[in-house]
N, C-alpha and C. Protein backbone atom coordinates (compact mmCIF):
# COMPACT_ATOMS: atom_id res chain seq x y z
N MET A 1 7.48 -40.21 -38.46
CA MET A 1 7.62 -39.58 -39.75
C MET A 1 7.86 -40.66 -40.80
N ALA A 2 7.15 -40.58 -41.89
CA ALA A 2 7.29 -41.56 -42.97
C ALA A 2 8.53 -41.26 -43.81
N GLU A 3 9.07 -42.29 -44.44
CA GLU A 3 10.21 -42.10 -45.33
C GLU A 3 9.77 -41.63 -46.71
N THR A 4 8.55 -41.98 -47.10
CA THR A 4 8.01 -41.57 -48.38
C THR A 4 6.58 -41.07 -48.20
N CYS A 5 6.13 -40.32 -49.16
CA CYS A 5 4.75 -39.82 -49.14
C CYS A 5 3.79 -40.93 -49.52
N THR A 6 2.75 -41.09 -48.71
CA THR A 6 1.74 -42.11 -48.98
C THR A 6 0.46 -41.50 -49.55
N HIS A 7 0.54 -40.25 -50.02
CA HIS A 7 -0.64 -39.54 -50.52
C HIS A 7 -0.50 -39.11 -51.98
N LEU A 8 0.33 -39.81 -52.73
CA LEU A 8 0.58 -39.43 -54.12
C LEU A 8 -0.68 -39.43 -54.98
N ASP A 9 -1.67 -40.21 -54.58
CA ASP A 9 -2.92 -40.28 -55.35
C ASP A 9 -3.74 -39.00 -55.26
N THR A 10 -3.35 -38.06 -54.39
CA THR A 10 -4.08 -36.79 -54.27
C THR A 10 -3.49 -35.70 -55.16
N ILE A 11 -2.39 -36.00 -55.84
CA ILE A 11 -1.74 -35.01 -56.71
C ILE A 11 -2.50 -34.91 -58.03
N HIS A 12 -2.88 -33.70 -58.37
CA HIS A 12 -3.59 -33.43 -59.62
C HIS A 12 -2.91 -32.29 -60.36
N ASP A 13 -3.12 -32.22 -61.66
CA ASP A 13 -2.72 -31.03 -62.41
C ASP A 13 -3.71 -29.95 -62.03
N VAL A 14 -3.22 -28.85 -61.49
CA VAL A 14 -4.09 -27.80 -60.99
C VAL A 14 -3.69 -26.45 -61.57
N THR A 15 -4.62 -25.53 -61.52
CA THR A 15 -4.36 -24.14 -61.90
C THR A 15 -4.30 -23.33 -60.62
N PRO A 16 -3.23 -22.55 -60.41
CA PRO A 16 -3.14 -21.74 -59.20
C PRO A 16 -4.35 -20.81 -59.05
N SER A 17 -4.84 -20.69 -57.83
CA SER A 17 -6.02 -19.88 -57.55
C SER A 17 -5.75 -18.39 -57.60
N ALA A 18 -4.48 -18.00 -57.53
CA ALA A 18 -4.11 -16.58 -57.53
C ALA A 18 -2.64 -16.44 -57.92
N ALA A 19 -2.23 -15.22 -58.24
CA ALA A 19 -0.84 -14.95 -58.59
C ALA A 19 0.04 -14.78 -57.36
N GLY A 20 -0.58 -14.73 -56.19
CA GLY A 20 0.10 -14.63 -54.90
C GLY A 20 -0.69 -15.45 -53.90
N CYS A 21 -0.44 -15.24 -52.63
CA CYS A 21 -1.22 -15.95 -51.61
C CYS A 21 -2.67 -15.47 -51.69
N GLU A 22 -3.55 -16.40 -52.03
CA GLU A 22 -4.97 -16.06 -52.21
C GLU A 22 -5.55 -15.37 -50.97
N ASP A 23 -5.23 -15.89 -49.80
CA ASP A 23 -5.81 -15.34 -48.57
C ASP A 23 -5.17 -14.02 -48.16
N CYS A 24 -3.86 -13.88 -48.34
CA CYS A 24 -3.19 -12.60 -48.03
C CYS A 24 -3.69 -11.50 -48.95
N LEU A 25 -3.90 -11.82 -50.22
CA LEU A 25 -4.39 -10.82 -51.16
C LEU A 25 -5.75 -10.27 -50.75
N LYS A 26 -6.59 -11.10 -50.14
CA LYS A 26 -7.93 -10.67 -49.71
C LYS A 26 -7.87 -9.64 -48.58
N VAL A 27 -6.81 -9.69 -47.76
CA VAL A 27 -6.73 -8.81 -46.58
C VAL A 27 -5.52 -7.88 -46.64
N ASN A 28 -4.92 -7.76 -47.83
CA ASN A 28 -3.74 -6.91 -48.01
C ASN A 28 -2.59 -7.35 -47.10
N GLY A 29 -2.45 -8.67 -46.93
CA GLY A 29 -1.37 -9.22 -46.11
C GLY A 29 -0.10 -9.40 -46.91
N THR A 30 0.93 -9.89 -46.25
CA THR A 30 2.21 -10.12 -46.89
C THR A 30 2.62 -11.58 -46.73
N TRP A 31 3.45 -12.05 -47.64
CA TRP A 31 3.94 -13.42 -47.56
C TRP A 31 5.42 -13.45 -47.90
N VAL A 32 6.06 -14.57 -47.54
CA VAL A 32 7.48 -14.77 -47.82
C VAL A 32 7.65 -15.66 -49.05
N HIS A 33 7.09 -16.87 -49.00
CA HIS A 33 7.16 -17.82 -50.12
C HIS A 33 5.77 -18.39 -50.36
N LEU A 34 5.56 -18.91 -51.57
CA LEU A 34 4.25 -19.44 -51.94
C LEU A 34 4.27 -20.95 -52.08
N ARG A 35 3.13 -21.57 -51.72
CA ARG A 35 2.94 -23.02 -51.82
C ARG A 35 1.63 -23.29 -52.55
N LEU A 36 1.67 -24.21 -53.51
CA LEU A 36 0.51 -24.55 -54.32
C LEU A 36 -0.06 -25.89 -53.87
N CYS A 37 -1.32 -25.91 -53.49
CA CYS A 37 -1.99 -27.16 -53.13
C CYS A 37 -2.16 -27.98 -54.39
N ARG A 38 -1.64 -29.21 -54.38
CA ARG A 38 -1.69 -30.04 -55.58
C ARG A 38 -2.98 -30.84 -55.68
N GLU A 39 -3.92 -30.59 -54.76
CA GLU A 39 -5.23 -31.22 -54.88
C GLU A 39 -6.25 -30.27 -55.50
N CYS A 40 -6.19 -28.98 -55.12
CA CYS A 40 -7.22 -28.05 -55.61
C CYS A 40 -6.69 -26.78 -56.24
N GLY A 41 -5.39 -26.48 -56.11
CA GLY A 41 -4.83 -25.28 -56.71
C GLY A 41 -4.78 -24.06 -55.81
N HIS A 42 -5.18 -24.21 -54.54
CA HIS A 42 -5.10 -23.08 -53.61
C HIS A 42 -3.66 -22.62 -53.49
N MET A 43 -3.44 -21.32 -53.66
CA MET A 43 -2.11 -20.75 -53.52
C MET A 43 -2.06 -20.10 -52.14
N GLY A 44 -1.17 -20.61 -51.30
CA GLY A 44 -1.05 -20.10 -49.93
C GLY A 44 0.38 -19.74 -49.60
N CYS A 45 0.55 -19.05 -48.50
CA CYS A 45 1.88 -18.63 -48.07
C CYS A 45 2.48 -19.68 -47.12
N CYS A 46 3.81 -19.70 -47.09
CA CYS A 46 4.55 -20.70 -46.33
C CYS A 46 4.54 -20.40 -44.83
N ASP A 47 5.12 -21.30 -44.06
CA ASP A 47 5.15 -21.15 -42.61
C ASP A 47 6.12 -20.06 -42.13
N SER A 48 6.95 -19.52 -43.01
CA SER A 48 7.79 -18.38 -42.65
C SER A 48 7.02 -17.07 -42.80
N SER A 49 5.85 -17.15 -43.40
CA SER A 49 4.97 -15.98 -43.58
C SER A 49 4.13 -15.79 -42.31
N PRO A 50 3.71 -14.56 -42.03
CA PRO A 50 2.95 -14.30 -40.81
C PRO A 50 1.68 -15.14 -40.65
N ALA A 51 0.94 -15.36 -41.72
CA ALA A 51 -0.36 -16.02 -41.59
C ALA A 51 -0.33 -17.53 -41.86
N LYS A 52 0.73 -18.06 -42.47
CA LYS A 52 0.87 -19.50 -42.72
C LYS A 52 -0.37 -20.10 -43.39
N HIS A 53 -0.82 -19.46 -44.46
CA HIS A 53 -2.07 -19.87 -45.10
C HIS A 53 -2.02 -21.25 -45.77
N ALA A 54 -0.87 -21.69 -46.25
CA ALA A 54 -0.79 -23.02 -46.87
C ALA A 54 -1.07 -24.10 -45.82
N THR A 55 -0.48 -23.97 -44.65
CA THR A 55 -0.72 -24.94 -43.57
C THR A 55 -2.15 -24.84 -43.07
N ALA A 56 -2.68 -23.63 -42.98
CA ALA A 56 -4.08 -23.45 -42.57
C ALA A 56 -5.01 -24.14 -43.56
N HIS A 57 -4.70 -24.06 -44.85
CA HIS A 57 -5.50 -24.72 -45.87
C HIS A 57 -5.47 -26.24 -45.67
N PHE A 58 -4.30 -26.79 -45.37
CA PHE A 58 -4.19 -28.22 -45.08
C PHE A 58 -5.10 -28.61 -43.91
N HIS A 59 -5.05 -27.85 -42.83
CA HIS A 59 -5.85 -28.17 -41.65
C HIS A 59 -7.35 -28.02 -41.92
N GLU A 60 -7.72 -27.06 -42.75
CA GLU A 60 -9.14 -26.83 -43.05
C GLU A 60 -9.69 -27.85 -44.05
N LYS A 61 -8.94 -28.14 -45.10
CA LYS A 61 -9.44 -28.98 -46.20
C LYS A 61 -8.89 -30.41 -46.20
N ASN A 62 -7.83 -30.63 -45.41
CA ASN A 62 -7.18 -31.94 -45.37
C ASN A 62 -6.58 -32.33 -46.73
N HIS A 63 -6.13 -31.34 -47.48
CA HIS A 63 -5.42 -31.58 -48.73
C HIS A 63 -3.94 -31.74 -48.37
N PRO A 64 -3.37 -32.92 -48.54
CA PRO A 64 -2.08 -33.23 -47.91
C PRO A 64 -0.82 -32.68 -48.56
N ILE A 65 -0.83 -32.36 -49.87
CA ILE A 65 0.43 -32.06 -50.55
C ILE A 65 0.44 -30.66 -51.14
N VAL A 66 1.52 -29.93 -50.84
CA VAL A 66 1.76 -28.63 -51.48
C VAL A 66 3.07 -28.72 -52.25
N GLN A 67 3.18 -27.86 -53.26
CA GLN A 67 4.42 -27.77 -54.03
C GLN A 67 4.93 -26.35 -53.92
N SER A 68 6.23 -26.20 -53.82
CA SER A 68 6.81 -24.87 -53.82
C SER A 68 6.44 -24.17 -55.12
N ALA A 69 6.01 -22.93 -55.01
CA ALA A 69 5.68 -22.13 -56.20
C ALA A 69 6.77 -21.10 -56.46
N GLU A 70 7.91 -21.31 -55.84
CA GLU A 70 9.03 -20.39 -56.02
C GLU A 70 9.80 -20.73 -57.30
N PRO A 71 10.23 -19.72 -58.05
CA PRO A 71 10.99 -19.96 -59.28
C PRO A 71 12.22 -20.83 -59.00
N GLY A 72 12.42 -21.84 -59.83
CA GLY A 72 13.58 -22.70 -59.71
C GLY A 72 13.43 -23.83 -58.70
N GLU A 73 12.30 -23.89 -58.00
CA GLU A 73 12.07 -24.96 -57.02
C GLU A 73 10.97 -25.89 -57.52
N SER A 74 11.15 -27.19 -57.31
CA SER A 74 10.14 -28.15 -57.78
C SER A 74 9.74 -29.15 -56.69
N TRP A 75 10.21 -28.96 -55.47
CA TRP A 75 9.92 -29.91 -54.40
C TRP A 75 8.47 -29.81 -53.92
N LEU A 76 8.01 -30.90 -53.35
CA LEU A 76 6.67 -30.98 -52.77
C LEU A 76 6.81 -31.35 -51.29
N TRP A 77 5.79 -31.04 -50.52
CA TRP A 77 5.77 -31.38 -49.09
C TRP A 77 4.46 -32.08 -48.77
N CYS A 78 4.57 -33.21 -48.09
CA CYS A 78 3.39 -33.94 -47.63
C CYS A 78 3.23 -33.66 -46.14
N TYR A 79 2.15 -32.96 -45.78
CA TYR A 79 1.92 -32.60 -44.38
C TYR A 79 1.74 -33.82 -43.48
N PRO A 80 0.85 -34.78 -43.80
CA PRO A 80 0.65 -35.90 -42.88
C PRO A 80 1.89 -36.77 -42.69
N ASP A 81 2.64 -36.99 -43.76
CA ASP A 81 3.83 -37.85 -43.68
C ASP A 81 5.09 -37.08 -43.29
N GLU A 82 4.99 -35.75 -43.26
CA GLU A 82 6.12 -34.87 -42.92
C GLU A 82 7.37 -35.21 -43.74
N VAL A 83 7.18 -35.23 -45.06
CA VAL A 83 8.30 -35.57 -45.94
C VAL A 83 8.30 -34.66 -47.16
N ALA A 84 9.50 -34.21 -47.54
CA ALA A 84 9.67 -33.44 -48.78
C ALA A 84 10.14 -34.42 -49.85
N PHE A 85 9.71 -34.16 -51.10
CA PHE A 85 10.10 -35.05 -52.19
C PHE A 85 9.95 -34.31 -53.51
N GLU A 86 10.47 -34.92 -54.55
CA GLU A 86 10.29 -34.40 -55.92
C GLU A 86 9.66 -35.49 -56.76
N LEU A 87 8.85 -35.10 -57.71
CA LEU A 87 8.28 -36.06 -58.64
C LEU A 87 9.31 -36.34 -59.71
N GLY A 88 9.41 -37.56 -60.10
CA GLY A 88 10.41 -37.72 -61.08
C GLY A 88 10.42 -38.85 -61.94
């Protein structure tokens, strides 16, 4: 596990793809928390959600960084480096 994220160059200003989990909304699914892909704007559900769409998006697209989309949270997670961090 890395101490810092080595994928900061993949972070972009993005527009969320949906107001909830994009993939859950398509199938009338449910989610617990939302994660925003900072490379393309895909809005997916967290690993506490039944479908884990944010992690599935990482495995499908290899977009390494998500940001919490929960109110009051600003942390990011880098999947390959397995590290949480904040921009600052």
